[in-house]
Amino acid sequence: MTDFCQDYPRLEAAQQERFRGVVTRLLSGHVLTPGSALRPDVDWRFVQGHSELIDGYLRIGGWRLDLDLSLRLCRAVHEQGEQRVRFTKQQSLVLCLLRLAYHEEMQRMSEDGRCELRVGEIRERVEQLGKGAPAFTRRSLTDALRRLSRHSLVTIDRGFSGEDEERVLVNPLVEKVLPTDTIASVSARLKAYAATATSEPAEPDGDAPDDEPDTGPMSIEEPS
């Protein structure tokens, strides 16, 4: 077990600065990944080499380092679940749909290992649930995807407006918060939504308020 108070001063000045930057990103809710071949994330490499030291520091404040080399991601997780996120019914439904899409794509073992969907494809998946599924306006689906993006579950482009041709990248973190062994329950949840859901009030087009209360049926442990 690393003794943070003894080991941190042994780092070079540049390493200490990198350490502070990495910890700041983690506690700000960032999920670190290796990055792309053209733009690798140097913080990911630093975490790999100093995971015990970072974990030792985080545990002082009640957090821990969750480094998953198989999914190639790392994040800070609060031991008492203080950063738990609550989603609305519509946001939960979109999350479940995207989790199933990710599962399907990983089973196909695509060359780049990516799960990317057009907004139009996501809309079609919602419609396939049947008349009982919550009704989505263009804005409500856009808002749901933006919310998932804020918690690193998906990646959308800057200026994302929810047009059918815009693309949504489902990130590996979705497998972390909804593991493979929960796929059956995810499918059951979707069927339950379609069977019992009543449409949430449609909101007029425009920007959604960021302080909208989260009163939905699903919560996940995510950096806030």
Protein backbone atom coordinates (compact mmCIF):
# COMPACT_ATOMS: atom_id res chain seq x y z
CA MET A 1 0.00 0.00 0.00
CA THR A 2 1.44 3.33 -1.06
CA ASP A 3 2.07 5.89 1.69
CA PHE A 4 1.06 9.10 -0.05
CA CYS A 5 2.74 11.42 2.45
CA GLN A 6 6.07 9.68 1.90
CA ASP A 7 5.90 8.93 -1.81
CA TYR A 8 4.46 12.17 -3.22
CA PRO A 9 7.49 14.34 -2.22
CA ARG A 10 9.71 11.90 -4.11
CA LEU A 11 8.12 12.87 -7.41
CA GLU A 12 9.93 15.37 -9.58
CA ALA A 13 8.40 18.85 -9.82
CA ALA A 14 6.96 18.15 -13.27
CA GLN A 15 5.44 14.89 -12.03
CA GLN A 16 3.88 16.65 -9.07
CA GLU A 17 2.30 19.17 -11.41
CA ARG A 18 1.00 16.36 -13.60
CA PHE A 19 -0.34 14.61 -10.49
CA ARG A 20 -2.30 17.71 -9.46
CA GLY A 21 -3.73 18.06 -12.95
CA VAL A 22 -4.82 14.41 -13.08
CA VAL A 23 -6.47 14.54 -9.66
CA THR A 24 -8.27 17.76 -10.57
CA ARG A 25 -9.66 16.16 -13.71
CA LEU A 26 -10.78 13.04 -11.86
CA LEU A 27 -12.49 14.95 -9.06
CA SER A 28 -14.15 17.21 -11.63
CA GLY A 29 -15.93 14.15 -13.00
CA HIS A 30 -13.75 13.43 -16.01
CA VAL A 31 -13.39 9.86 -17.23
CA LEU A 32 -9.86 9.38 -18.53
CA THR A 33 -9.13 7.17 -21.53
CA PRO A 34 -6.01 6.55 -23.64
CA GLY A 35 -7.25 8.98 -26.29
CA SER A 36 -6.74 8.44 -30.00
CA ALA A 37 -3.61 7.36 -31.83
CA LEU A 38 -3.12 10.91 -33.11
CA ARG A 39 -3.99 12.57 -29.79
CA PRO A 40 -3.07 10.26 -26.90
CA ASP A 41 -3.98 11.45 -23.41
CA VAL A 42 -0.75 11.78 -21.42
CA ASP A 43 -2.77 11.79 -18.18
CA TRP A 44 -3.88 8.22 -18.91
CA ARG A 45 -0.28 7.08 -19.15
CA PHE A 46 0.52 8.91 -15.89
CA VAL A 47 -2.36 7.18 -14.10
CA GLN A 48 -1.12 3.79 -15.27
CA GLY A 49 2.31 4.45 -13.77
CA HIS A 50 1.10 6.08 -10.55
CA SER A 51 -2.25 4.43 -9.87
CA GLU A 52 -1.45 3.45 -6.27
CA LEU A 53 -0.26 6.95 -5.41
CA ILE A 54 -3.36 8.56 -6.93
CA ASP A 55 -5.62 6.06 -5.21
CA GLY A 56 -3.87 6.72 -1.89
CA TYR A 57 -4.53 10.44 -2.21
CA LEU A 58 -8.16 10.00 -3.26
CA ARG A 59 -8.89 7.70 -0.33
CA ILE A 60 -7.93 10.45 2.12
CA GLY A 61 -11.08 12.28 1.00
CA GLY A 62 -13.33 9.23 0.78
CA TRP A 63 -12.80 8.55 -2.92
CA ARG A 64 -11.01 5.74 -4.77
CA LEU A 65 -9.46 5.30 -8.18
CA ASP A 66 -11.41 3.01 -10.49
CA LEU A 67 -8.90 1.96 -13.16
CA ASP A 68 -10.31 -0.55 -15.63
CA LEU A 69 -7.67 -1.71 -18.10
CA SER A 70 -10.07 -3.97 -19.98
CA LEU A 71 -12.43 -1.07 -20.80
CA ARG A 72 -9.45 1.34 -20.95
CA LEU A 73 -10.92 3.99 -18.67
CA CYS A 74 -10.43 5.37 -15.20
CA ARG A 75 -12.47 7.62 -12.93
CA ALA A 76 -12.78 8.72 -9.33
CA VAL A 77 -15.59 7.01 -7.40
CA HIS A 78 -16.88 8.15 -4.03
CA GLU A 79 -16.95 5.34 -1.47
CA GLN A 80 -20.34 6.44 -0.10
CA GLY A 81 -21.92 7.06 -3.50
CA GLU A 82 -22.15 10.82 -3.01
CA GLN A 83 -21.95 11.41 -6.76
CA ARG A 84 -24.91 9.20 -7.61
CA VAL A 85 -26.88 10.58 -10.56
CA ARG A 86 -30.64 10.33 -10.92
CA PHE A 87 -32.13 10.20 -14.42
CA THR A 88 -35.65 10.94 -15.61
CA LYS A 89 -37.70 8.18 -17.22
CA GLN A 90 -36.90 9.41 -20.73
CA GLN A 91 -33.17 9.68 -19.97
CA SER A 92 -33.22 6.19 -18.43
CA LEU A 93 -34.94 4.76 -21.48
CA VAL A 94 -32.37 6.28 -23.84
CA LEU A 95 -29.55 4.99 -21.63
CA CYS A 96 -30.98 1.45 -21.72
CA LEU A 97 -31.41 1.59 -25.50
CA LEU A 98 -27.83 2.75 -25.97
CA ARG A 99 -26.55 0.07 -23.60
CA LEU A 100 -28.22 -2.63 -25.68
CA ALA A 101 -26.87 -1.09 -28.89
CA TYR A 102 -23.37 -1.07 -27.37
CA HIS A 103 -23.77 -4.73 -26.36
CA GLU A 104 -24.86 -5.67 -29.89
CA GLU A 105 -21.91 -3.84 -31.43
CA MET A 106 -19.37 -5.42 -29.09
CA GLN A 107 -20.74 -8.87 -29.95
CA ARG A 108 -20.14 -8.12 -33.63
CA MET A 109 -16.54 -7.22 -32.79
CA SER A 110 -16.28 -4.30 -35.20
CA GLU A 111 -12.81 -3.35 -36.39
CA ASP A 112 -12.57 -0.10 -34.46
CA GLY A 113 -14.50 -1.32 -31.42
CA ARG A 114 -16.78 1.72 -31.55
CA CYS A 115 -20.52 1.98 -31.13
CA GLU A 116 -21.75 5.01 -33.04
CA LEU A 117 -25.39 5.72 -33.86
CA ARG A 118 -27.19 8.43 -35.77
CA VAL A 119 -29.81 10.32 -33.79
CA GLY A 120 -32.35 9.07 -36.33
CA GLU A 121 -31.40 5.48 -35.49
CA ILE A 122 -31.91 6.15 -31.78
CA ARG A 123 -35.30 7.67 -32.52
CA GLU A 124 -36.24 4.56 -34.53
CA ARG A 125 -35.27 2.33 -31.61
CA VAL A 126 -37.57 4.33 -29.34
CA GLU A 127 -40.44 4.00 -31.82
CA GLN A 128 -39.91 0.24 -32.04
CA LEU A 129 -40.81 -0.06 -28.35
CA GLY A 130 -44.44 0.59 -29.25
CA LYS A 131 -47.14 3.06 -28.38
CA GLY A 132 -46.60 2.67 -24.63
CA ALA A 133 -43.11 4.19 -24.73
CA PRO A 134 -42.72 7.81 -23.61
CA ALA A 135 -43.19 10.27 -26.45
CA PHE A 136 -40.02 12.08 -27.46
CA THR A 137 -39.94 15.45 -29.11
CA ARG A 138 -36.78 16.40 -30.92
CA ARG A 139 -35.87 18.59 -27.96
CA SER A 140 -36.51 15.96 -25.29
CA LEU A 141 -34.30 13.40 -27.08
CA THR A 142 -31.60 16.03 -27.58
CA ASP A 143 -31.77 16.96 -23.90
CA ALA A 144 -31.52 13.31 -22.86
CA LEU A 145 -28.42 12.78 -25.01
CA ARG A 146 -26.84 15.98 -23.71
CA ARG A 147 -27.44 14.80 -20.15
CA LEU A 148 -25.79 11.45 -20.82
CA SER A 149 -22.91 13.30 -22.45
CA ARG A 150 -22.34 15.39 -19.33
CA HIS A 151 -21.67 12.17 -17.45
CA SER A 152 -19.34 10.73 -20.14
CA LEU A 153 -21.75 7.96 -21.13
CA VAL A 154 -21.85 9.24 -24.70
CA THR A 155 -19.81 11.68 -26.77
CA ILE A 156 -21.52 14.26 -28.97
CA ASP A 157 -20.05 17.06 -31.05
CA ARG A 158 -19.91 20.63 -29.81
CA GLY A 159 -23.04 22.45 -30.90
CA PHE A 160 -25.05 19.21 -30.98
CA SER A 161 -28.67 20.00 -31.90
CA GLY A 162 -30.26 16.55 -32.25
CA GLU A 163 -30.60 16.44 -36.03
CA ASP A 164 -31.28 12.91 -37.33
CA GLU A 165 -27.94 12.74 -39.19
CA GLU A 166 -25.83 13.80 -36.19
CA ARG A 167 -23.86 11.00 -34.58
CA VAL A 168 -23.64 9.82 -30.99
CA LEU A 169 -20.68 7.75 -29.77
CA VAL A 170 -21.57 5.36 -26.94
CA ASN A 171 -18.61 5.28 -24.56
CA PRO A 172 -17.28 2.15 -22.78
CA LEU A 173 -18.34 3.68 -19.45
CA VAL A 174 -21.88 2.53 -20.25
CA GLU A 175 -20.63 -1.03 -19.71
CA LYS A 176 -19.26 -0.01 -16.33
CA VAL A 177 -22.51 1.45 -15.01
CA LEU A 178 -24.68 -1.25 -16.65
CA PRO A 179 -22.48 -4.38 -16.73
CA THR A 180 -22.96 -7.19 -19.21
CA ASP A 181 -24.64 -9.40 -16.61
CA THR A 182 -27.44 -6.83 -16.33
CA ILE A 183 -28.40 -6.98 -20.04
CA ALA A 184 -31.44 -9.12 -19.26
CA SER A 185 -32.66 -6.65 -16.66
CA VAL A 186 -32.01 -3.75 -19.05
CA SER A 187 -34.21 -5.45 -21.65
CA ALA A 188 -36.89 -6.05 -19.03
CA ARG A 189 -36.73 -2.41 -17.99
CA LEU A 190 -37.29 -1.31 -21.59
CA LYS A 191 -40.32 -3.59 -21.90
CA ALA A 192 -41.68 -2.22 -18.64
CA TYR A 193 -41.24 1.36 -19.87
CA ALA A 194 -43.06 0.54 -23.09
CA ALA A 195 -45.87 -1.25 -21.26
CA THR A 196 -46.54 1.19 -18.43
CA ALA A 197 -45.00 4.54 -19.34
CA THR A 198 -47.13 7.62 -19.60
CA SER A 199 -45.79 10.41 -21.73
CA GLU A 200 -43.87 13.03 -19.80
CA PRO A 201 -45.07 16.56 -20.54
CA ALA A 202 -43.54 17.76 -23.80
CA GLU A 203 -41.46 20.90 -23.47
CA PRO A 204 -41.41 23.68 -26.05
CA ASP A 205 -38.39 23.88 -28.31
CA GLY A 206 -35.47 25.78 -26.86
CA ASP A 207 -32.60 25.25 -24.46
CA ALA A 208 -33.37 23.10 -21.45
CA PRO A 209 -32.55 24.50 -18.00
CA ASP A 210 -29.43 22.97 -16.49
CA ASP A 211 -30.99 22.96 -13.02
CA GLU A 212 -33.89 20.69 -14.00
CA PRO A 213 -34.64 18.35 -11.05
CA ASP A 214 -33.78 14.68 -11.53
CA THR A 215 -36.82 12.68 -10.48
CA GLY A 216 -36.57 9.67 -12.74
CA PRO A 217 -36.50 5.95 -12.01
CA MET A 218 -32.84 5.14 -12.62
CA SER A 219 -29.76 6.18 -10.69
CA ILE A 220 -26.16 5.31 -11.45
CA GLU A 221 -22.91 5.94 -9.65
CA GLU A 222 -21.23 8.62 -11.70
CA PRO A 223 -18.85 11.52 -11.11
CA SER A 224 -20.96 14.63 -10.74
